[in-house]
Amino acid sequence: MKSRRALLALALLTAMLGCSPSHEKTLPQDLLGVWTTSEPKYADRFFELTENAIIFGTGGDNVDVYAVESVERTRDEEGLVYHIRYLNQEGHPYTFSIYYDPSNRGVIRFKHQKHFAWTREEP
């Protein structure tokens, strides 16, 4: 009976670890690059993802650069979600959550603005 409980506990632990989010300190290669959208409202905006930084083009020559603190990858009913954590300009933690679809060289949608598609610029 004890071995059966031990096997059940081991199976449960394995299942829990398999379903847990993946935490990293660097961004995966699939996300790296400069991302833009055809949405006219954001014509002069972009964001760039590097292994260790997230850069927001905020219009004109203005950019904000943040060091990535951690990256968590999860999956929900709408797809693959990356939660990129960094410290904002005031030093407060912030999470940038995006949906990533790898088809067609990749498409990113912001979790809070799913109707805008961001695509990677050609290198």
PDB file of N, CA and C in Angstrom:
ATOM      1  N   MET A   1       0.814  -1.206   0.000  1.00  0.00           N
ATOM      2  CA  MET A   1       0.000   0.000   0.000  1.00  0.00           C
ATOM      3  C   MET A   1       0.860   1.274   0.000  1.00  0.00           C
ATOM      4  N   LYS A   2       1.994   1.222   0.771  1.00  0.00           N
ATOM      5  CA  LYS A   2       2.871   2.390   0.817  1.00  0.00           C
ATOM      6  C   LYS A   2       3.495   2.671  -0.542  1.00  0.00           C
ATOM      7  N   SER A   3       3.879   1.600  -1.255  1.00  0.00           N
ATOM      8  CA  SER A   3       4.488   1.818  -2.566  1.00  0.00           C
ATOM      9  C   SER A   3       3.477   2.397  -3.550  1.00  0.00           C
ATOM     10  N   ARG A   4       2.227   2.013  -3.408  1.00  0.00           N
ATOM     11  CA  ARG A   4       1.180   2.567  -4.281  1.00  0.00           C
ATOM     12  C   ARG A   4       1.011   4.064  -4.027  1.00  0.00           C
ATOM     13  N   ARG A   5       1.022   4.465  -2.733  1.00  0.00           N
ATOM     14  CA  ARG A   5       0.922   5.889  -2.397  1.00  0.00           C
ATOM     15  C   ARG A   5       2.150   6.656  -2.893  1.00  0.00           C
ATOM     16  N   ALA A   6       3.303   6.030  -2.779  1.00  0.00           N
ATOM     17  CA  ALA A   6       4.529   6.670  -3.246  1.00  0.00           C
ATOM     18  C   ALA A   6       4.471   6.877  -4.753  1.00  0.00           C
ATOM     19  N   LEU A   7       4.001   5.884  -5.489  1.00  0.00           N
ATOM     20  CA  LEU A   7       3.863   6.016  -6.945  1.00  0.00           C
ATOM     21  C   LEU A   7       2.855   7.093  -7.306  1.00  0.00           C
ATOM     22  N   LEU A   8       1.750   7.123  -6.575  1.00  0.00           N
ATOM     23  CA  LEU A   8       0.732   8.146  -6.815  1.00  0.00           C
ATOM     24  C   LEU A   8       1.294   9.537  -6.538  1.00  0.00           C
ATOM     25  N   ALA A   9       2.047   9.682  -5.438  1.00  0.00           N
ATOM     26  CA  ALA A   9       2.659  10.966  -5.102  1.00  0.00           C
ATOM     27  C   ALA A   9       3.666  11.378  -6.166  1.00  0.00           C
ATOM     28  N   LEU A  10       4.468  10.432  -6.639  1.00  0.00           N
ATOM     29  CA  LEU A  10       5.446  10.717  -7.681  1.00  0.00           C
ATOM     30  C   LEU A  10       4.756  11.138  -8.982  1.00  0.00           C
ATOM     31  N   ALA A  11       3.675  10.449  -9.342  1.00  0.00           N
ATOM     32  CA  ALA A  11       2.924  10.800 -10.548  1.00  0.00           C
ATOM     33  C   ALA A  11       2.322  12.196 -10.426  1.00  0.00           C
ATOM     34  N   LEU A  12       1.791  12.519  -9.268  1.00  0.00           N
ATOM     35  CA  LEU A  12       1.199  13.834  -9.035  1.00  0.00           C
ATOM     36  C   LEU A  12       2.258  14.922  -9.119  1.00  0.00           C
ATOM     37  N   LEU A  13       3.414  14.690  -8.500  1.00  0.00           N
ATOM     38  CA  LEU A  13       4.501  15.661  -8.545  1.00  0.00           C
ATOM     39  C   LEU A  13       4.980  15.879  -9.979  1.00  0.00           C
ATOM     40  N   THR A  14       5.127  14.820 -10.733  1.00  0.00           N
ATOM     41  CA  THR A  14       5.546  14.915 -12.137  1.00  0.00           C
ATOM     42  C   THR A  14       4.537  15.717 -12.948  1.00  0.00           C
ATOM     43  N   ALA A  15       3.257  15.458 -12.731  1.00  0.00           N
ATOM     44  CA  ALA A  15       2.215  16.193 -13.455  1.00  0.00           C
ATOM     45  C   ALA A  15       2.239  17.668 -13.094  1.00  0.00           C
ATOM     46  N   MET A  16       2.438  17.969 -11.814  1.00  0.00           N
ATOM     47  CA  MET A  16       2.474  19.369 -11.386  1.00  0.00           C
ATOM     48  C   MET A  16       3.666  20.093 -11.988  1.00  0.00           C
ATOM     49  N   LEU A  17       4.826  19.458 -12.023  1.00  0.00           N
ATOM     50  CA  LEU A  17       6.004  20.081 -12.601  1.00  0.00           C
ATOM     51  C   LEU A  17       5.846  20.270 -14.106  1.00  0.00           C
ATOM     52  N   GLY A  18       5.195  19.348 -14.766  1.00  0.00           N
ATOM     53  CA  GLY A  18       4.975  19.452 -16.202  1.00  0.00           C
ATOM     54  C   GLY A  18       4.025  20.564 -16.570  1.00  0.00           C
ATOM     55  N   CYS A  19       3.130  20.941 -15.679  1.00  0.00           N
ATOM     56  CA  CYS A  19       2.142  21.985 -15.958  1.00  0.00           C
ATOM     57  C   CYS A  19       2.554  23.345 -15.439  1.00  0.00           C
ATOM     58  N   SER A  20       3.649  23.391 -14.693  1.00  0.00           N
ATOM     59  CA  SER A  20       4.042  24.659 -14.100  1.00  0.00           C
ATOM     60  C   SER A  20       4.626  25.579 -15.168  1.00  0.00           C
ATOM     61  N   PRO A  21       4.545  26.904 -14.934  1.00  0.00           N
ATOM     62  CA  PRO A  21       5.091  27.835 -15.903  1.00  0.00           C
ATOM     63  C   PRO A  21       6.606  27.698 -15.989  1.00  0.00           C
ATOM     64  N   SER A  22       7.146  28.057 -17.133  1.00  0.00           N
ATOM     65  CA  SER A  22       8.587  28.026 -17.349  1.00  0.00           C
ATOM     66  C   SER A  22       9.146  29.413 -17.039  1.00  0.00           C
ATOM     67  N   HIS A  23      10.130  29.492 -16.138  1.00  0.00           N
ATOM     68  CA  HIS A  23      10.749  30.767 -15.768  1.00  0.00           C
ATOM     69  C   HIS A  23      12.162  30.821 -16.320  1.00  0.00           C
ATOM     70  N   GLU A  24      12.516  31.928 -16.943  1.00  0.00           N
ATOM     71  CA  GLU A  24      13.847  32.134 -17.501  1.00  0.00           C
ATOM     72  C   GLU A  24      14.294  33.549 -17.148  1.00  0.00           C
ATOM     73  N   LYS A  25      15.567  33.828 -17.376  1.00  0.00           N
ATOM     74  CA  LYS A  25      16.091  35.176 -17.177  1.00  0.00           C
ATOM     75  C   LYS A  25      16.372  35.882 -18.497  1.00  0.00           C
ATOM     76  N   THR A  26      16.316  35.120 -19.603  1.00  0.00           N
ATOM     77  CA  THR A  26      16.536  35.715 -20.922  1.00  0.00           C
ATOM     78  C   THR A  26      15.361  35.366 -21.832  1.00  0.00           C
ATOM     79  N   LEU A  27      15.182  36.198 -22.831  1.00  0.00           N
ATOM     80  CA  LEU A  27      14.098  35.959 -23.788  1.00  0.00           C
ATOM     81  C   LEU A  27      14.506  34.885 -24.790  1.00  0.00           C
ATOM     82  N   PRO A  28      13.555  34.051 -25.228  1.00  0.00           N
ATOM     83  CA  PRO A  28      13.874  33.016 -26.210  1.00  0.00           C
ATOM     84  C   PRO A  28      14.153  33.632 -27.589  1.00  0.00           C
ATOM     85  N   GLN A  29      14.953  32.923 -28.379  1.00  0.00           N
ATOM     86  CA  GLN A  29      15.343  33.378 -29.714  1.00  0.00           C
ATOM     87  C   GLN A  29      14.138  33.711 -30.597  1.00  0.00           C
ATOM     88  N   ASP A  30      13.047  32.964 -30.458  1.00  0.00           N
ATOM     89  CA  ASP A  30      11.854  33.192 -31.294  1.00  0.00           C
ATOM     90  C   ASP A  30      11.281  34.592 -31.147  1.00  0.00           C
ATOM     91  N   LEU A  31      11.504  35.232 -30.008  1.00  0.00           N
ATOM     92  CA  LEU A  31      10.922  36.549 -29.760  1.00  0.00           C
ATOM     93  C   LEU A  31      11.848  37.712 -30.117  1.00  0.00           C
ATOM     94  N   LEU A  32      13.119  37.421 -30.353  1.00  0.00           N
ATOM     95  CA  LEU A  32      14.089  38.490 -30.556  1.00  0.00           C
ATOM     96  C   LEU A  32      13.865  39.212 -31.876  1.00  0.00           C
ATOM     97  N   GLY A  33      14.040  40.523 -31.835  1.00  0.00           N
ATOM     98  CA  GLY A  33      13.899  41.332 -33.035  1.00  0.00           C
ATOM     99  C   GLY A  33      13.110  42.598 -32.775  1.00  0.00           C
ATOM    100  N   VAL A  34      12.917  43.351 -33.842  1.00  0.00           N
ATOM    101  CA  VAL A  34      12.143  44.596 -33.798  1.00  0.00           C
ATOM    102  C   VAL A  34      10.740  44.280 -34.290  1.00  0.00           C
ATOM    103  N   TRP A  35       9.739  44.686 -33.532  1.00  0.00           N
ATOM    104  CA  TRP A  35       8.341  44.392 -33.830  1.00  0.00           C
ATOM    105  C   TRP A  35       7.586  45.688 -34.096  1.00  0.00           C
ATOM    106  N   THR A  36       6.813  45.695 -35.193  1.00  0.00           N
ATOM    107  CA  THR A  36       6.006  46.858 -35.564  1.00  0.00           C
ATOM    108  C   THR A  36       4.597  46.399 -35.913  1.00  0.00           C
ATOM    109  N   THR A  37       3.695  47.354 -36.004  1.00  0.00           N
ATOM    110  CA  THR A  37       2.316  47.058 -36.385  1.00  0.00           C
ATOM    111  C   THR A  37       1.889  47.985 -37.514  1.00  0.00           C
ATOM    112  N   SER A  38       0.941  47.535 -38.301  1.00  0.00           N
ATOM    113  CA  SER A  38       0.408  48.374 -39.381  1.00  0.00           C
ATOM    114  C   SER A  38      -0.701  49.295 -38.872  1.00  0.00           C
ATOM    115  N   GLU A  39      -1.061  49.199 -37.619  1.00  0.00           N
ATOM    116  CA  GLU A  39      -2.083  50.057 -37.026  1.00  0.00           C
ATOM    117  C   GLU A  39      -1.616  51.516 -37.087  1.00  0.00           C
ATOM    118  N   PRO A  40      -2.352  52.401 -37.793  1.00  0.00           N
ATOM    119  CA  PRO A  40      -1.923  53.799 -37.962  1.00  0.00           C
ATOM    120  C   PRO A  40      -1.645  54.528 -36.643  1.00  0.00           C
ATOM    121  N   LYS A  41      -2.367  54.204 -35.620  1.00  0.00           N
ATOM    122  CA  LYS A  41      -2.183  54.842 -34.314  1.00  0.00           C
ATOM    123  C   LYS A  41      -0.759  54.649 -33.787  1.00  0.00           C
ATOM    124  N   TYR A  42      -0.097  53.568 -34.216  1.00  0.00           N
ATOM    125  CA  TYR A  42       1.248  53.247 -33.734  1.00  0.00           C
ATOM    126  C   TYR A  42       2.283  53.301 -34.862  1.00  0.00           C
ATOM    127  N   ALA A  43       2.051  54.156 -35.851  1.00  0.00           N
ATOM    128  CA  ALA A  43       2.913  54.222 -37.027  1.00  0.00           C
ATOM    129  C   ALA A  43       4.368  54.520 -36.670  1.00  0.00           C
ATOM    130  N   ASP A  44       4.626  55.332 -35.664  1.00  0.00           N
ATOM    131  CA  ASP A  44       6.006  55.675 -35.297  1.00  0.00           C
ATOM    132  C   ASP A  44       6.470  54.952 -34.029  1.00  0.00           C
ATOM    133  N   ARG A  45       5.817  53.832 -33.726  1.00  0.00           N
ATOM    134  CA  ARG A  45       6.146  53.067 -32.514  1.00  0.00           C
ATOM    135  C   ARG A  45       6.695  51.701 -32.883  1.00  0.00           C
ATOM    136  N   PHE A  46       7.475  51.150 -31.997  1.00  0.00           N
ATOM    137  CA  PHE A  46       7.986  49.787 -32.149  1.00  0.00           C
ATOM    138  C   PHE A  46       8.390  49.288 -30.775  1.00  0.00           C
ATOM    139  N   PHE A  47       8.650  48.017 -30.687  1.00  0.00           N
ATOM    140  CA  PHE A  47       9.364  47.503 -29.531  1.00  0.00           C
ATOM    141  C   PHE A  47      10.361  46.486 -30.035  1.00  0.00           C
ATOM    142  N   GLU A  48      11.471  46.415 -29.344  1.00  0.00           N
ATOM    143  CA  GLU A  48      12.526  45.484 -29.708  1.00  0.00           C
ATOM    144  C   GLU A  48      12.808  44.588 -28.514  1.00  0.00           C
ATOM    145  N   LEU A  49      12.930  43.310 -28.788  1.00  0.00           N
ATOM    146  CA  LEU A  49      13.251  42.346 -27.752  1.00  0.00           C
ATOM    147  C   LEU A  49      14.642  41.799 -28.031  1.00  0.00           C
ATOM    148  N   THR A  50      15.519  41.909 -27.042  1.00  0.00           N
ATOM    149  CA  THR A  50      16.845  41.298 -27.103  1.00  0.00           C
ATOM    150  C   THR A  50      16.868  40.232 -26.013  1.00  0.00           C
ATOM    151  N   GLU A  51      17.938  39.503 -25.911  1.00  0.00           N
ATOM    152  CA  GLU A  51      17.987  38.448 -24.896  1.00  0.00           C
ATOM    153  C   GLU A  51      17.767  38.983 -23.497  1.00  0.00           C
ATOM    154  N   ASN A  52      18.277  40.193 -23.217  1.00  0.00           N
ATOM    155  CA  ASN A  52      18.253  40.713 -21.855  1.00  0.00           C
ATOM    156  C   ASN A  52      17.551  42.054 -21.692  1.00  0.00           C
ATOM    157  N   ALA A  53      16.927  42.557 -22.762  1.00  0.00           N
ATOM    158  CA  ALA A  53      16.320  43.884 -22.662  1.00  0.00           C
ATOM    159  C   ALA A  53      15.059  43.969 -23.507  1.00  0.00           C
ATOM    160  N   ILE A  54      14.215  44.923 -23.107  1.00  0.00           N
ATOM    161  CA  ILE A  54      13.046  45.276 -23.898  1.00  0.00           C
ATOM    162  C   ILE A  54      13.156  46.778 -24.159  1.00  0.00           C
ATOM    163  N   ILE A  55      13.011  47.158 -25.418  1.00  0.00           N
ATOM    164  CA  ILE A  55      13.182  48.543 -25.847  1.00  0.00           C
ATOM    165  C   ILE A  55      11.878  48.990 -26.496  1.00  0.00           C
ATOM    166  N   PHE A  56      11.329  50.093 -26.003  1.00  0.00           N
ATOM    167  CA  PHE A  56      10.098  50.636 -26.572  1.00  0.00           C
ATOM    168  C   PHE A  56      10.433  51.896 -27.346  1.00  0.00           C
ATOM    169  N   GLY A  57      10.100  51.927 -28.641  1.00  0.00           N
ATOM    170  CA  GLY A  57      10.197  53.142 -29.440  1.00  0.00           C
ATOM    171  C   GLY A  57       8.924  53.932 -29.197  1.00  0.00           C
ATOM    172  N   THR A  58       9.066  55.112 -28.576  1.00  0.00           N
ATOM    173  CA  THR A  58       7.897  55.865 -28.133  1.00  0.00           C
ATOM    174  C   THR A  58       7.562  57.052 -29.020  1.00  0.00           C
ATOM    175  N   GLY A  59       8.115  57.061 -30.236  1.00  0.00           N
ATOM    176  CA  GLY A  59       7.818  58.134 -31.179  1.00  0.00           C
ATOM    177  C   GLY A  59       9.067  58.944 -31.478  1.00  0.00           C
ATOM    178  N   GLY A  60       9.244  59.271 -32.743  1.00  0.00           N
ATOM    179  CA  GLY A  60      10.447  60.002 -33.141  1.00  0.00           C
ATOM    180  C   GLY A  60      11.686  59.184 -32.825  1.00  0.00           C
ATOM    181  N   ASP A  61      12.687  59.842 -32.255  1.00  0.00           N
ATOM    182  CA  ASP A  61      13.925  59.151 -31.873  1.00  0.00           C
ATOM    183  C   ASP A  61      13.909  58.714 -30.411  1.00  0.00           C
ATOM    184  N   ASN A  62      12.774  58.818 -29.751  1.00  0.00           N
ATOM    185  CA  ASN A  62      12.682  58.497 -28.330  1.00  0.00           C
ATOM    186  C   ASN A  62      12.534  56.999 -28.097  1.00  0.00           C
ATOM    187  N   VAL A  63      13.348  56.469 -27.192  1.00  0.00           N
ATOM    188  CA  VAL A  63      13.258  55.064 -26.820  1.00  0.00           C
ATOM    189  C   VAL A  63      13.397  54.933 -25.308  1.00  0.00           C
ATOM    190  N   ASP A  64      12.764  53.919 -24.769  1.00  0.00           N
ATOM    191  CA  ASP A  64      12.908  53.545 -23.365  1.00  0.00           C
ATOM    192  C   ASP A  64      13.475  52.138 -23.341  1.00  0.00           C
ATOM    193  N   VAL A  65      14.552  51.945 -22.578  1.00  0.00           N
ATOM    194  CA  VAL A  65      15.230  50.658 -22.512  1.00  0.00           C
ATOM    195  C   VAL A  65      15.134  50.121 -21.091  1.00  0.00           C
ATOM    196  N   TYR A  66      14.740  48.850 -20.973  1.00  0.00           N
ATOM    197  CA  TYR A  66      14.595  48.213 -19.668  1.00  0.00           C
ATOM    198  C   TYR A  66      15.289  46.859 -19.665  1.00  0.00           C
ATOM    199  N   ALA A  67      15.980  46.565 -18.581  1.00  0.00           N
ATOM    200  CA  ALA A  67      16.611  45.256 -18.417  1.00  0.00           C
ATOM    201  C   ALA A  67      15.549  44.234 -18.019  1.00  0.00           C
ATOM    202  N   VAL A  68      15.573  43.084 -18.650  1.00  0.00           N
ATOM    203  CA  VAL A  68      14.628  42.006 -18.330  1.00  0.00           C
ATOM    204  C   VAL A  68      15.029  41.372 -17.010  1.00  0.00           C
ATOM    205  N   GLU A  69      14.083  41.279 -16.094  1.00  0.00           N
ATOM    206  CA  GLU A  69      14.305  40.633 -14.797  1.00  0.00           C
ATOM    207  C   GLU A  69      14.020  39.137 -14.877  1.00  0.00           C
ATOM    208  N   SER A  70      12.919  38.792 -15.555  1.00  0.00           N
ATOM    209  CA  SER A  70      12.561  37.380 -15.711  1.00  0.00           C
ATOM    210  C   SER A  70      11.539  37.235 -16.829  1.00  0.00           C
ATOM    211  N   VAL A  71      11.437  36.013 -17.330  1.00  0.00           N
ATOM    212  CA  VAL A  71      10.480  35.687 -18.386  1.00  0.00           C
ATOM    213  C   VAL A  71       9.757  34.419 -17.967  1.00  0.00           C
ATOM    214  N   GLU A  72       8.437  34.475 -17.980  1.00  0.00           N
ATOM    215  CA  GLU A  72       7.621  33.305 -17.649  1.00  0.00           C
ATOM    216  C   GLU A  72       6.793  32.947 -18.868  1.00  0.00           C
ATOM    217  N   ARG A  73       6.820  31.685 -19.229  1.00  0.00           N
ATOM    218  CA  ARG A  73       6.035  31.208 -20.371  1.00  0.00           C
ATOM    219  C   ARG A  73       4.923  30.318 -19.842  1.00  0.00           C
ATOM    220  N   THR A  74       3.685  30.649 -20.247  1.00  0.00           N
ATOM    221  CA  THR A  74       2.522  29.850 -19.867  1.00  0.00           C
ATOM    222  C   THR A  74       1.662  29.642 -21.104  1.00  0.00           C
ATOM    223  N   ARG A  75       0.633  28.875 -20.952  1.00  0.00           N
ATOM    224  CA  ARG A  75      -0.328  28.667 -22.038  1.00  0.00           C
ATOM    225  C   ARG A  75      -1.712  28.841 -21.428  1.00  0.00           C
ATOM    226  N   ASP A  76      -2.575  29.567 -22.131  1.00  0.00           N
ATOM    227  CA  ASP A  76      -3.967  29.659 -21.711  1.00  0.00           C
ATOM    228  C   ASP A  76      -4.861  29.287 -22.885  1.00  0.00           C
ATOM    229  N   GLU A  77      -6.153  29.513 -22.759  1.00  0.00           N
ATOM    230  CA  GLU A  77      -7.090  29.100 -23.809  1.00  0.00           C
ATOM    231  C   GLU A  77      -6.862  29.823 -25.131  1.00  0.00           C
ATOM    232  N   GLU A  78      -6.129  30.953 -25.107  1.00  0.00           N
ATOM    233  CA  GLU A  78      -5.893  31.706 -26.334  1.00  0.00           C
ATOM    234  C   GLU A  78      -4.506  31.475 -26.934  1.00  0.00           C
ATOM    235  N   GLY A  79      -3.650  30.729 -26.251  1.00  0.00           N
ATOM    236  CA  GLY A  79      -2.353  30.412 -26.828  1.00  0.00           C
ATOM    237  C   GLY A  79      -1.201  30.569 -25.867  1.00  0.00           C
ATOM    238  N   LEU A  80      -0.024  30.696 -26.448  1.00  0.00           N
ATOM    239  CA  LEU A  80       1.227  30.805 -25.711  1.00  0.00           C
ATOM    240  C   LEU A  80       1.395  32.236 -25.220  1.00  0.00           C
ATOM    241  N   VAL A  81       1.637  32.390 -23.915  1.00  0.00           N
ATOM    242  CA  VAL A  81       1.754  33.714 -23.307  1.00  0.00           C
ATOM    243  C   VAL A  81       3.140  33.852 -22.677  1.00  0.00           C
ATOM    244  N   TYR A  82       3.786  34.974 -22.943  1.00  0.00           N
ATOM    245  CA  TYR A  82       5.043  35.308 -22.280  1.00  0.00           C
ATOM    246  C   TYR A  82       4.779  36.496 -21.373  1.00  0.00           C
ATOM    247  N   HIS A  83       5.234  36.383 -20.132  1.00  0.00           N
ATOM    248  CA  HIS A  83       5.145  37.472 -19.161  1.00  0.00           C
ATOM    249  C   HIS A  83       6.578  37.948 -18.933  1.00  0.00           C
ATOM    250  N   ILE A  84       6.900  39.112 -19.471  1.00  0.00           N
ATOM    251  CA  ILE A  84       8.253  39.665 -19.392  1.00  0.00           C
ATOM    252  C   ILE A  84       8.257  40.688 -18.258  1.00  0.00           C
ATOM    253  N   ARG A  85       9.048  40.415 -17.236  1.00  0.00           N
ATOM    254  CA  ARG A  85       9.099  41.299 -16.071  1.00  0.00           C
ATOM    255  C   ARG A  85      10.354  42.165 -16.133  1.00  0.00           C
ATOM    256  N   TYR A  86      10.160  43.473 -15.858  1.00  0.00           N
ATOM    257  CA  TYR A  86      11.270  44.411 -15.818  1.00  0.00           C
ATOM    258  C   TYR A  86      10.928  45.508 -14.826  1.00  0.00           C
ATOM    259  N   LEU A  87      11.906  46.333 -14.495  1.00  0.00           N
ATOM    260  CA  LEU A  87      11.674  47.472 -13.611  1.00  0.00           C
ATOM    261  C   LEU A  87      11.456  48.703 -14.474  1.00  0.00           C
ATOM    262  N   ASN A  88      10.379  49.461 -14.178  1.00  0.00           N
ATOM    263  CA  ASN A  88      10.121  50.663 -14.969  1.00  0.00           C
ATOM    264  C   ASN A  88      11.079  51.778 -14.542  1.00  0.00           C
ATOM    265  N   GLN A  89      10.929  52.962 -15.105  1.00  0.00           N
ATOM    266  CA  GLN A  89      11.862  54.060 -14.846  1.00  0.00           C
ATOM    267  C   GLN A  89      11.916  54.478 -13.381  1.00  0.00           C
ATOM    268  N   GLU A  90      10.847  54.242 -12.652  1.00  0.00           N
ATOM    269  CA  GLU A  90      10.827  54.578 -11.224  1.00  0.00           C
ATOM    270  C   GLU A  90      11.331  53.421 -10.361  1.00  0.00           C
ATOM    271  N   GLY A  91      11.717  52.315 -11.001  1.00  0.00           N
ATOM    272  CA  GLY A  91      12.218  51.164 -10.262  1.00  0.00           C
ATOM    273  C   GLY A  91      11.129  50.223  -9.774  1.00  0.00           C
ATOM    274  N   HIS A  92       9.899  50.429 -10.234  1.00  0.00           N
ATOM    275  CA  HIS A  92       8.788  49.556  -9.851  1.00  0.00           C
ATOM    276  C   HIS A  92       8.695  48.385 -10.828  1.00  0.00           C
ATOM    277  N   PRO A  93       8.394  47.191 -10.306  1.00  0.00           N
ATOM    278  CA  PRO A  93       8.272  46.039 -11.206  1.00  0.00           C
ATOM    279  C   PRO A  93       7.071  46.190 -12.134  1.00  0.00           C
ATOM    280  N   TYR A  94       7.265  45.791 -13.367  1.00  0.00           N
ATOM    281  CA  TYR A  94       6.206  45.853 -14.368  1.00  0.00           C
ATOM    282  C   TYR A  94       6.251  44.559 -15.171  1.00  0.00           C
ATOM    283  N   THR A  95       5.084  44.101 -15.613  1.00  0.00           N
ATOM    284  CA  THR A  95       5.005  42.902 -16.436  1.00  0.00           C
ATOM    285  C   THR A  95       4.386  43.249 -17.778  1.00  0.00           C
ATOM    286  N   PHE A  96       5.093  42.911 -18.836  1.00  0.00           N
ATOM    287  CA  PHE A  96       4.642  43.091 -20.214  1.00  0.00           C
ATOM    288  C   PHE A  96       4.212  41.710 -20.691  1.00  0.00           C
ATOM    289  N   SER A  97       2.910  41.496 -20.856  1.00  0.00           N
ATOM    290  CA  SER A  97       2.383  40.176 -21.227  1.00  0.00           C
ATOM    291  C   SER A  97       1.967  40.169 -22.687  1.00  0.00           C
ATOM    292  N   ILE A  98       2.476  39.167 -23.406  1.00  0.00           N
ATOM    293  CA  ILE A  98       2.209  39.080 -24.840  1.00  0.00           C
ATOM    294  C   ILE A  98       1.826  37.651 -25.230  1.00  0.00           C
ATOM    295  N   TYR A  99       0.982  37.569 -26.247  1.00  0.00           N
ATOM    296  CA  TYR A  99       0.688  36.289 -26.895  1.00  0.00           C
ATOM    297  C   TYR A  99       1.632  36.167 -28.077  1.00  0.00           C
ATOM    298  N   TYR A 100       2.199  34.990 -28.250  1.00  0.00           N
ATOM    299  CA  TYR A 100       3.101  34.760 -29.373  1.00  0.00           C
ATOM    300  C   TYR A 100       2.595  33.609 -30.219  1.00  0.00           C
ATOM    301  N   ASP A 101       2.460  33.875 -31.515  1.00  0.00           N
ATOM    302  CA  ASP A 101       2.084  32.860 -32.495  1.00  0.00           C
ATOM    303  C   ASP A 101       3.256  32.733 -33.460  1.00  0.00           C
ATOM    304  N   PRO A 102       3.907  31.576 -33.521  1.00  0.00           N
ATOM    305  CA  PRO A 102       5.102  31.435 -34.349  1.00  0.00           C
ATOM    306  C   PRO A 102       4.859  31.386 -35.859  1.00  0.00           C
ATOM    307  N   SER A 103       3.625  31.269 -36.303  1.00  0.00           N
ATOM    308  CA  SER A 103       3.365  31.166 -37.742  1.00  0.00           C
ATOM    309  C   SER A 103       3.693  32.483 -38.453  1.00  0.00           C
ATOM    310  N   ASN A 104       4.028  32.369 -39.743  1.00  0.00           N
ATOM    311  CA  ASN A 104       4.323  33.540 -40.587  1.00  0.00           C
ATOM    312  C   ASN A 104       5.406  34.447 -39.994  1.00  0.00           C
ATOM    313  N   ARG A 105       6.551  33.852 -39.613  1.00  0.00           N
ATOM    314  CA  ARG A 105       7.677  34.594 -39.017  1.00  0.00           C
ATOM    315  C   ARG A 105       7.345  35.153 -37.642  1.00  0.00           C
ATOM    316  N   GLY A 106       6.195  34.835 -37.117  1.00  0.00           N
ATOM    317  CA  GLY A 106       5.832  35.255 -35.771  1.00  0.00           C
ATOM    318  C   GLY A 106       4.892  36.442 -35.739  1.00  0.00           C
ATOM    319  N   VAL A 107       3.938  36.365 -34.844  1.00  0.00           N
ATOM    320  CA  VAL A 107       2.995  37.459 -34.592  1.00  0.00           C
ATOM    321  C   VAL A 107       2.874  37.596 -33.078  1.00  0.00           C
ATOM    322  N   ILE A 108       2.954  38.829 -32.620  1.00  0.00           N
ATOM    323  CA  ILE A 108       2.777  39.128 -31.194  1.00  0.00           C
ATOM    324  C   ILE A 108       1.534  39.981 -31.042  1.00  0.00           C
ATOM    325  N   ARG A 109       0.774  39.664 -30.031  1.00  0.00           N
ATOM    326  CA  ARG A 109      -0.386  40.478 -29.647  1.00  0.00           C
ATOM    327  C   ARG A 109      -0.257  40.780 -28.165  1.00  0.00           C
ATOM    328  N   PHE A 110      -0.476  42.033 -27.793  1.00  0.00           N
ATOM    329  CA  PHE A 110      -0.421  42.391 -26.380  1.00  0.00           C
ATOM    330  C   PHE A 110      -1.623  41.776 -25.685  1.00  0.00           C
ATOM    331  N   LYS A 111      -1.421  41.288 -24.510  1.00  0.00           N
ATOM    332  CA  LYS A 111      -2.519  40.650 -23.787  1.00  0.00           C
ATOM    333  C   LYS A 111      -3.678  41.633 -23.572  1.00  0.00           C
ATOM    334  N   HIS A 112      -3.369  42.907 -23.389  1.00  0.00           N
ATOM    335  CA  HIS A 112      -4.415  43.919 -23.154  1.00  0.00           C
ATOM    336  C   HIS A 112      -4.903  44.583 -24.446  1.00  0.00           C
ATOM    337  N   GLN A 113      -4.316  44.236 -25.601  1.00  0.00           N
ATOM    338  CA  GLN A 113      -4.737  44.780 -26.905  1.00  0.00           C
ATOM    339  C   GLN A 113      -4.626  43.687 -27.956  1.00  0.00           C
ATOM    340  N   LYS A 114      -5.418  42.665 -27.837  1.00  0.00           N
ATOM    341  CA  LYS A 114      -5.303  41.499 -28.725  1.00  0.00           C
ATOM    342  C   LYS A 114      -5.658  41.810 -30.173  1.00  0.00           C
ATOM    343  N   HIS A 115      -6.373  42.904 -30.434  1.00  0.00           N
ATOM    344  CA  HIS A 115      -6.815  43.210 -31.789  1.00  0.00           C
ATOM    345  C   HIS A 115      -5.702  43.792 -32.668  1.00  0.00           C
ATOM    346  N   PHE A 116      -4.542  44.172 -32.105  1.00  0.00           N
ATOM    347  CA  PHE A 116      -3.419  44.675 -32.891  1.00  0.00           C
ATOM    348  C   PHE A 116      -2.375  43.586 -33.050  1.00  0.00           C
ATOM    349  N   ALA A 117      -1.981  43.314 -34.276  1.00  0.00           N
ATOM    350  CA  ALA A 117      -0.931  42.324 -34.548  1.00  0.00           C
ATOM    351  C   ALA A 117       0.394  43.054 -34.756  1.00  0.00           C
ATOM    352  N   TRP A 118       1.433  42.601 -34.081  1.00  0.00           N
ATOM    353  CA  TRP A 118       2.784  43.117 -34.231  1.00  0.00           C
ATOM    354  C   TRP A 118       3.611  42.043 -34.936  1.00  0.00           C
ATOM    355  N   THR A 119       4.313  42.436 -35.989  1.00  0.00           N
ATOM    356  CA  THR A 119       5.121  41.484 -36.740  1.00  0.00           C
ATOM    357  C   THR A 119       6.581  41.910 -36.702  1.00  0.00           C
ATOM    358  N   ARG A 120       7.445  40.933 -36.873  1.00  0.00           N
ATOM    359  CA  ARG A 120       8.880  41.178 -36.809  1.00  0.00           C
ATOM    360  C   ARG A 120       9.348  41.819 -38.110  1.00  0.00           C
ATOM    361  N   GLU A 121      10.164  42.862 -37.992  1.00  0.00           N
ATOM    362  CA  GLU A 121      10.758  43.488 -39.163  1.00  0.00           C
ATOM    363  C   GLU A 121      11.814  42.574 -39.755  1.00  0.00           C
ATOM    364  N   GLU A 122      12.013  42.683 -41.050  1.00  0.00           N
ATOM    365  CA  GLU A 122      13.081  41.935 -41.717  1.00  0.00           C
ATOM    366  C   GLU A 122      14.409  42.450 -41.204  1.00  0.00           C
ATOM    367  N   PRO A 123      15.369  41.544 -40.964  1.00  0.00           N
ATOM    368  CA  PRO A 123      16.701  42.008 -40.484  1.00  0.00           C
ATOM    369  C   PRO A 123      17.456  42.770 -41.538  1.00  0.00           C
TER     370      PRO A 123
END
